[in-house]
């Protein structure tokens, strides 16, 4: 059997063999959920940090910049 035919048969066998596909799919879904969670927590943390900074500046009577005005101060 020549190499081209053997490679073709191997490729076809890999495409039809579905064992383990569900585990890989669940792994990918879990990874995407983890990435989305990390991004949302980082974004929330930045916004919360900015709120505390603006609140502190307002309490001290310091000048409030554009970022604080955008945040509602």
PDB file of N, CA and C in Angstrom:
ATOM      1  N   UNK A   1       0.861  -1.166   0.000  1.00  0.00           N
ATOM      2  CA  UNK A   1       0.000   0.000   0.000  1.00  0.00           C
ATOM      3  C   UNK A   1       0.910   1.232   0.000  1.00  0.00           C
ATOM      4  N   UNK A   2       0.621   2.175  -0.860  1.00  0.00           N
ATOM      5  CA  UNK A   2       1.481   3.355  -0.938  1.00  0.00           C
ATOM      6  C   UNK A   2       1.134   4.344   0.182  1.00  0.00           C
ATOM      7  N   UNK A   3       2.025   5.316   0.404  1.00  0.00           N
ATOM      8  CA  UNK A   3       1.884   6.267   1.512  1.00  0.00           C
ATOM      9  C   UNK A   3       0.640   7.141   1.375  1.00  0.00           C
ATOM     10  N   UNK A   4       0.291   7.525   0.157  1.00  0.00           N
ATOM     11  CA  UNK A   4      -0.873   8.387  -0.048  1.00  0.00           C
ATOM     12  C   UNK A   4      -2.139   7.675   0.384  1.00  0.00           C
ATOM     13  N   UNK A   5      -2.267   6.421  -0.021  1.00  0.00           N
ATOM     14  CA  UNK A   5      -3.451   5.641   0.331  1.00  0.00           C
ATOM     15  C   UNK A   5      -3.499   5.415   1.843  1.00  0.00           C
ATOM     16  N   UNK A   6      -2.368   5.124   2.453  1.00  0.00           N
ATOM     17  CA  UNK A   6      -2.311   4.883   3.887  1.00  0.00           C
ATOM     18  C   UNK A   6      -2.688   6.159   4.657  1.00  0.00           C
ATOM     19  N   UNK A   7      -2.191   7.311   4.203  1.00  0.00           N
ATOM     20  CA  UNK A   7      -2.521   8.588   4.854  1.00  0.00           C
ATOM     21  C   UNK A   7      -4.013   8.890   4.709  1.00  0.00           C
ATOM     22  N   UNK A   8      -4.568   8.603   3.541  1.00  0.00           N
ATOM     23  CA  UNK A   8      -5.990   8.829   3.315  1.00  0.00           C
ATOM     24  C   UNK A   8      -6.832   7.970   4.249  1.00  0.00           C
ATOM     25  N   UNK A   9      -6.482   6.693   4.373  1.00  0.00           N
ATOM     26  CA  UNK A   9      -7.231   5.791   5.245  1.00  0.00           C
ATOM     27  C   UNK A   9      -7.119   6.211   6.704  1.00  0.00           C
ATOM     28  N   UNK A  10      -5.924   6.654   7.113  1.00  0.00           N
ATOM     29  CA  UNK A  10      -5.735   7.113   8.495  1.00  0.00           C
ATOM     30  C   UNK A  10      -6.587   8.352   8.766  1.00  0.00           C
ATOM     31  N   UNK A  11      -6.605   9.295   7.830  1.00  0.00           N
ATOM     32  CA  UNK A  11      -7.421  10.510   7.974  1.00  0.00           C
ATOM     33  C   UNK A  11      -8.896  10.190   8.057  1.00  0.00           C
ATOM     34  N   UNK A  12      -9.346   9.271   7.216  1.00  0.00           N
ATOM     35  CA  UNK A  12     -10.756   8.881   7.237  1.00  0.00           C
ATOM     36  C   UNK A  12     -11.106   8.188   8.553  1.00  0.00           C
ATOM     37  N   UNK A  13     -10.201   7.373   9.061  1.00  0.00           N
ATOM     38  CA  UNK A  13     -10.435   6.677  10.324  1.00  0.00           C
ATOM     39  C   UNK A  13     -10.505   7.686  11.482  1.00  0.00           C
ATOM     40  N   UNK A  14      -9.651   8.699  11.450  1.00  0.00           N
ATOM     41  CA  UNK A  14      -9.663   9.726  12.507  1.00  0.00           C
ATOM     42  C   UNK A  14     -10.948  10.532  12.472  1.00  0.00           C
ATOM     43  N   UNK A  15     -11.458  10.781  11.283  1.00  0.00           N
ATOM     44  CA  UNK A  15     -12.692  11.576  11.156  1.00  0.00           C
ATOM     45  C   UNK A  15     -13.917  10.800  11.612  1.00  0.00           C
ATOM     46  N   UNK A  16     -13.913   9.500  11.427  1.00  0.00           N
ATOM     47  CA  UNK A  16     -15.084   8.718  11.806  1.00  0.00           C
ATOM     48  C   UNK A  16     -15.032   8.259  13.261  1.00  0.00           C
ATOM     49  N   UNK A  17     -13.838   8.231  13.856  1.00  0.00           N
ATOM     50  CA  UNK A  17     -13.705   7.813  15.250  1.00  0.00           C
ATOM     51  C   UNK A  17     -14.102   8.970  16.158  1.00  0.00           C
ATOM     52  N   UNK A  18     -15.224   8.843  16.849  1.00  0.00           N
ATOM     53  CA  UNK A  18     -15.750   9.919  17.678  1.00  0.00           C
ATOM     54  C   UNK A  18     -15.488   9.696  19.170  1.00  0.00           C
ATOM     55  N   UNK A  19     -14.754   8.664  19.524  1.00  0.00           N
ATOM     56  CA  UNK A  19     -14.512   8.402  20.938  1.00  0.00           C
ATOM     57  C   UNK A  19     -13.611   9.497  21.508  1.00  0.00           C
ATOM     58  N   UNK A  20     -14.018  10.046  22.621  1.00  0.00           N
ATOM     59  CA  UNK A  20     -13.272  11.122  23.258  1.00  0.00           C
ATOM     60  C   UNK A  20     -13.663  12.504  22.786  1.00  0.00           C
ATOM     61  N   UNK A  21     -14.494  12.593  21.756  1.00  0.00           N
ATOM     62  CA  UNK A  21     -14.891  13.905  21.241  1.00  0.00           C
ATOM     63  C   UNK A  21     -15.717  14.667  22.268  1.00  0.00           C
ATOM     64  N   UNK A  22     -16.567  13.979  23.000  1.00  0.00           N
ATOM     65  CA  UNK A  22     -17.411  14.646  23.989  1.00  0.00           C
ATOM     66  C   UNK A  22     -16.562  15.241  25.097  1.00  0.00           C
ATOM     67  N   UNK A  23     -15.562  14.515  25.541  1.00  0.00           N
ATOM     68  CA  UNK A  23     -14.668  15.028  26.581  1.00  0.00           C
ATOM     69  C   UNK A  23     -13.927  16.273  26.127  1.00  0.00           C
ATOM     70  N   UNK A  24     -13.474  16.259  24.889  1.00  0.00           N
ATOM     71  CA  UNK A  24     -12.773  17.425  24.345  1.00  0.00           C
ATOM     72  C   UNK A  24     -13.723  18.612  24.250  1.00  0.00           C
ATOM     73  N   UNK A  25     -14.945  18.358  23.809  1.00  0.00           N
ATOM     74  CA  UNK A  25     -15.932  19.437  23.714  1.00  0.00           C
ATOM     75  C   UNK A  25     -16.234  20.034  25.087  1.00  0.00           C
ATOM     76  N   UNK A  26     -16.409  19.189  26.089  1.00  0.00           N
ATOM     77  CA  UNK A  26     -16.652  19.686  27.440  1.00  0.00           C
ATOM     78  C   UNK A  26     -15.449  20.477  27.950  1.00  0.00           C
ATOM     79  N   UNK A  27     -14.262  20.029  27.626  1.00  0.00           N
ATOM     80  CA  UNK A  27     -13.052  20.759  28.012  1.00  0.00           C
ATOM     81  C   UNK A  27     -12.987  22.137  27.378  1.00  0.00           C
ATOM     82  N   UNK A  28     -13.335  22.219  26.093  1.00  0.00           N
ATOM     83  CA  UNK A  28     -13.343  23.513  25.410  1.00  0.00           C
ATOM     84  C   UNK A  28     -14.399  24.443  25.990  1.00  0.00           C
ATOM     85  N   UNK A  29     -15.574  23.907  26.266  1.00  0.00           N
ATOM     86  CA  UNK A  29     -16.637  24.723  26.854  1.00  0.00           C
ATOM     87  C   UNK A  29     -16.209  25.221  28.240  1.00  0.00           C
ATOM     88  N   UNK A  30     -15.633  24.345  29.029  1.00  0.00           N
ATOM     89  CA  UNK A  30     -15.147  24.745  30.355  1.00  0.00           C
ATOM     90  C   UNK A  30     -14.080  25.823  30.270  1.00  0.00           C
ATOM     91  N   UNK A  31     -13.185  25.698  29.287  1.00  0.00           N
ATOM     92  CA  UNK A  31     -12.146  26.707  29.093  1.00  0.00           C
ATOM     93  C   UNK A  31     -12.719  28.055  28.710  1.00  0.00           C
ATOM     94  N   UNK A  32     -13.705  28.044  27.826  1.00  0.00           N
ATOM     95  CA  UNK A  32     -14.348  29.301  27.422  1.00  0.00           C
ATOM     96  C   UNK A  32     -15.078  29.963  28.588  1.00  0.00           C
ATOM     97  N   UNK A  33     -15.735  29.159  29.410  1.00  0.00           N
ATOM     98  CA  UNK A  33     -16.427  29.701  30.577  1.00  0.00           C
ATOM     99  C   UNK A  33     -15.412  30.304  31.552  1.00  0.00           C
ATOM    100  N   UNK A  34     -14.283  29.629  31.737  1.00  0.00           N
ATOM    101  CA  UNK A  34     -13.251  30.150  32.634  1.00  0.00           C
ATOM    102  C   UNK A  34     -12.697  31.474  32.130  1.00  0.00           C
ATOM    103  N   UNK A  35     -12.431  31.557  30.838  1.00  0.00           N
ATOM    104  CA  UNK A  35     -11.908  32.809  30.263  1.00  0.00           C
ATOM    105  C   UNK A  35     -12.930  33.926  30.425  1.00  0.00           C
ATOM    106  N   UNK A  36     -14.187  33.651  30.159  1.00  0.00           N
ATOM    107  CA  UNK A  36     -15.229  34.669  30.315  1.00  0.00           C
ATOM    108  C   UNK A  36     -15.330  35.126  31.768  1.00  0.00           C
ATOM    109  N   UNK A  37     -15.214  34.202  32.691  1.00  0.00           N
ATOM    110  CA  UNK A  37     -15.252  34.555  34.112  1.00  0.00           C
ATOM    111  C   UNK A  37     -14.088  35.434  34.513  1.00  0.00           C
ATOM    112  N   UNK A  38     -12.903  35.102  34.050  1.00  0.00           N
ATOM    113  CA  UNK A  38     -11.710  35.888  34.374  1.00  0.00           C
ATOM    114  C   UNK A  38     -11.840  37.301  33.824  1.00  0.00           C
ATOM    115  N   UNK A  39     -12.278  37.417  32.576  1.00  0.00           N
ATOM    116  CA  UNK A  39     -12.425  38.737  31.954  1.00  0.00           C
ATOM    117  C   UNK A  39     -13.460  39.577  32.710  1.00  0.00           C
ATOM    118  N   UNK A  40     -14.582  38.981  33.082  1.00  0.00           N
ATOM    119  CA  UNK A  40     -15.619  39.751  33.776  1.00  0.00           C
ATOM    120  C   UNK A  40     -15.166  40.170  35.169  1.00  0.00           C
ATOM    121  N   UNK A  41     -14.451  39.306  35.882  1.00  0.00           N
ATOM    122  CA  UNK A  41     -13.971  39.655  37.220  1.00  0.00           C
ATOM    123  C   UNK A  41     -12.926  40.765  37.140  1.00  0.00           C
ATOM    124  N   UNK A  42     -12.035  40.696  36.153  1.00  0.00           N
ATOM    125  CA  UNK A  42     -11.034  41.759  35.995  1.00  0.00           C
ATOM    126  C   UNK A  42     -11.703  43.083  35.677  1.00  0.00           C
ATOM    127  N   UNK A  43     -12.690  43.069  34.803  1.00  0.00           N
ATOM    128  CA  UNK A  43     -13.399  44.292  34.435  1.00  0.00           C
ATOM    129  C   UNK A  43     -14.131  44.864  35.642  1.00  0.00           C
ATOM    130  N   UNK A  44     -14.798  44.006  36.402  1.00  0.00           N
ATOM    131  CA  UNK A  44     -15.516  44.443  37.591  1.00  0.00           C
ATOM    132  C   UNK A  44     -14.548  45.015  38.617  1.00  0.00           C
ATOM    133  N   UNK A  45     -13.394  44.372  38.779  1.00  0.00           N
ATOM    134  CA  UNK A  45     -12.391  44.859  39.725  1.00  0.00           C
ATOM    135  C   UNK A  45     -11.885  46.234  39.353  1.00  0.00           C
ATOM    136  N   UNK A  46     -11.652  46.485  38.073  1.00  0.00           N
ATOM    137  CA  UNK A  46     -11.189  47.799  37.627  1.00  0.00           C
ATOM    138  C   UNK A  46     -12.248  48.861  37.899  1.00  0.00           C
ATOM    139  N   UNK A  47     -13.501  48.548  37.585  1.00  0.00           N
ATOM    140  CA  UNK A  47     -14.580  49.515  37.806  1.00  0.00           C
ATOM    141  C   UNK A  47     -14.749  49.814  39.295  1.00  0.00           C
ATOM    142  N   UNK A  48     -14.646  48.776  40.120  1.00  0.00           N
ATOM    143  CA  UNK A  48     -14.782  48.951  41.564  1.00  0.00           C
ATOM    144  C   UNK A  48     -13.635  49.789  42.115  1.00  0.00           C
ATOM    145  N   UNK A  49     -12.432  49.538  41.638  1.00  0.00           N
ATOM    146  CA  UNK A  49     -11.267  50.323  42.061  1.00  0.00           C
ATOM    147  C   UNK A  49     -11.459  51.791  41.701  1.00  0.00           C
ATOM    148  N   UNK A  50     -11.974  52.057  40.518  1.00  0.00           N
ATOM    149  CA  UNK A  50     -12.212  53.424  40.062  1.00  0.00           C
ATOM    150  C   UNK A  50     -13.282  54.105  40.927  1.00  0.00           C
ATOM    151  N   UNK A  51     -14.316  53.376  41.305  1.00  0.00           N
ATOM    152  CA  UNK A  51     -15.363  53.935  42.167  1.00  0.00           C
ATOM    153  C   UNK A  51     -14.789  54.338  43.523  1.00  0.00           C
ATOM    154  N   UNK A  52     -13.967  53.467  44.114  1.00  0.00           N
ATOM    155  CA  UNK A  52     -13.359  53.786  45.398  1.00  0.00           C
ATOM    156  C   UNK A  52     -12.427  54.994  45.286  1.00  0.00           C
ATOM    157  N   UNK A  53     -11.684  55.071  44.199  1.00  0.00           N
ATOM    158  CA  UNK A  53     -10.771  56.196  43.995  1.00  0.00           C
ATOM    159  C   UNK A  53     -11.559  57.497  43.892  1.00  0.00           C
ATOM    160  N   UNK A  54     -12.614  57.484  43.118  1.00  0.00           N
ATOM    161  CA  UNK A  54     -13.433  58.689  42.950  1.00  0.00           C
ATOM    162  C   UNK A  54     -14.131  59.065  44.257  1.00  0.00           C
ATOM    163  N   UNK A  55     -14.612  58.075  44.998  1.00  0.00           N
ATOM    164  CA  UNK A  55     -15.267  58.353  46.279  1.00  0.00           C
ATOM    165  C   UNK A  55     -14.282  58.980  47.252  1.00  0.00           C
ATOM    166  N   UNK A  56     -13.069  58.442  47.288  1.00  0.00           N
ATOM    167  CA  UNK A  56     -12.038  59.003  48.162  1.00  0.00           C
ATOM    168  C   UNK A  56     -11.710  60.442  47.808  1.00  0.00           C
ATOM    169  N   UNK A  57     -11.602  60.709  46.511  1.00  0.00           N
ATOM    170  CA  UNK A  57     -11.310  62.079  46.071  1.00  0.00           C
ATOM    171  C   UNK A  57     -12.459  63.020  46.435  1.00  0.00           C
ATOM    172  N   UNK A  58     -13.691  62.549  46.293  1.00  0.00           N
ATOM    173  CA  UNK A  58     -14.841  63.384  46.623  1.00  0.00           C
ATOM    174  C   UNK A  58     -14.899  63.676  48.119  1.00  0.00           C
ATOM    175  N   UNK A  59     -14.599  62.689  48.951  1.00  0.00           N
ATOM    176  CA  UNK A  59     -14.618  62.873  50.405  1.00  0.00           C
ATOM    177  C   UNK A  59     -13.535  63.862  50.830  1.00  0.00           C
ATOM    178  N   UNK A  60     -12.358  63.772  50.218  1.00  0.00           N
ATOM    179  CA  UNK A  60     -11.252  64.665  50.556  1.00  0.00           C
ATOM    180  C   UNK A  60     -11.456  66.071  50.003  1.00  0.00           C
ATOM    181  N   UNK A  61     -12.410  66.238  49.117  1.00  0.00           N
ATOM    182  CA  UNK A  61     -12.668  67.533  48.521  1.00  0.00           C
ATOM    183  C   UNK A  61     -11.691  67.880  47.406  1.00  0.00           C
ATOM    184  N   UNK A  62     -11.046  66.858  46.839  1.00  0.00           N
ATOM    185  CA  UNK A  62     -10.100  67.088  45.749  1.00  0.00           C
ATOM    186  C   UNK A  62     -10.841  67.210  44.427  1.00  0.00           C
ATOM    187  N   UNK A  63     -10.113  67.701  43.452  1.00  0.00           N
ATOM    188  CA  UNK A  63     -10.695  67.865  42.122  1.00  0.00           C
ATOM    189  C   UNK A  63     -11.048  66.498  41.533  1.00  0.00           C
ATOM    190  N   UNK A  64     -12.226  66.434  40.954  1.00  0.00           N
ATOM    191  CA  UNK A  64     -12.686  65.189  40.345  1.00  0.00           C
ATOM    192  C   UNK A  64     -12.479  65.299  38.837  1.00  0.00           C
ATOM    193  N   UNK A  65     -11.795  64.316  38.279  1.00  0.00           N
ATOM    194  CA  UNK A  65     -11.474  64.329  36.865  1.00  0.00           C
ATOM    195  C   UNK A  65     -12.603  63.796  35.986  1.00  0.00           C
ATOM    196  N   UNK A  66     -12.280  63.666  34.704  1.00  0.00           N
ATOM    197  CA  UNK A  66     -13.252  63.181  33.717  1.00  0.00           C
ATOM    198  C   UNK A  66     -13.731  61.772  33.998  1.00  0.00           C
ATOM    199  N   UNK A  67     -12.802  60.908  34.439  1.00  0.00           N
ATOM    200  CA  UNK A  67     -13.177  59.513  34.699  1.00  0.00           C
ATOM    201  C   UNK A  67     -14.232  59.428  35.798  1.00  0.00           C
ATOM    202  N   UNK A  68     -14.065  60.266  36.815  1.00  0.00           N
ATOM    203  CA  UNK A  68     -15.031  60.236  37.918  1.00  0.00           C
ATOM    204  C   UNK A  68     -16.378  60.800  37.483  1.00  0.00           C
ATOM    205  N   UNK A  69     -16.350  61.803  36.647  1.00  0.00           N
ATOM    206  CA  UNK A  69     -17.609  62.374  36.151  1.00  0.00           C
ATOM    207  C   UNK A  69     -18.347  61.359  35.291  1.00  0.00           C
ATOM    208  N   UNK A  70     -17.580  60.574  34.515  1.00  0.00           N
ATOM    209  CA  UNK A  70     -18.202  59.518  33.702  1.00  0.00           C
ATOM    210  C   UNK A  70     -18.829  58.453  34.597  1.00  0.00           C
ATOM    211  N   UNK A  71     -18.205  58.217  35.751  1.00  0.00           N
ATOM    212  CA  UNK A  71     -18.694  57.190  36.671  1.00  0.00           C
ATOM    213  C   UNK A  71     -19.901  57.652  37.464  1.00  0.00           C
ATOM    214  N   UNK A  72     -20.273  58.929  37.369  1.00  0.00           N
ATOM    215  CA  UNK A  72     -21.462  59.403  38.030  1.00  0.00           C
ATOM    216  C   UNK A  72     -21.195  60.265  39.227  1.00  0.00           C
ATOM    217  N   UNK A  73     -19.989  60.774  39.398  1.00  0.00           N
ATOM    218  CA  UNK A  73     -19.674  61.651  40.519  1.00  0.00           C
ATOM    219  C   UNK A  73     -19.734  63.093  40.101  1.00  0.00           C
TER     220      UNK A  73
END
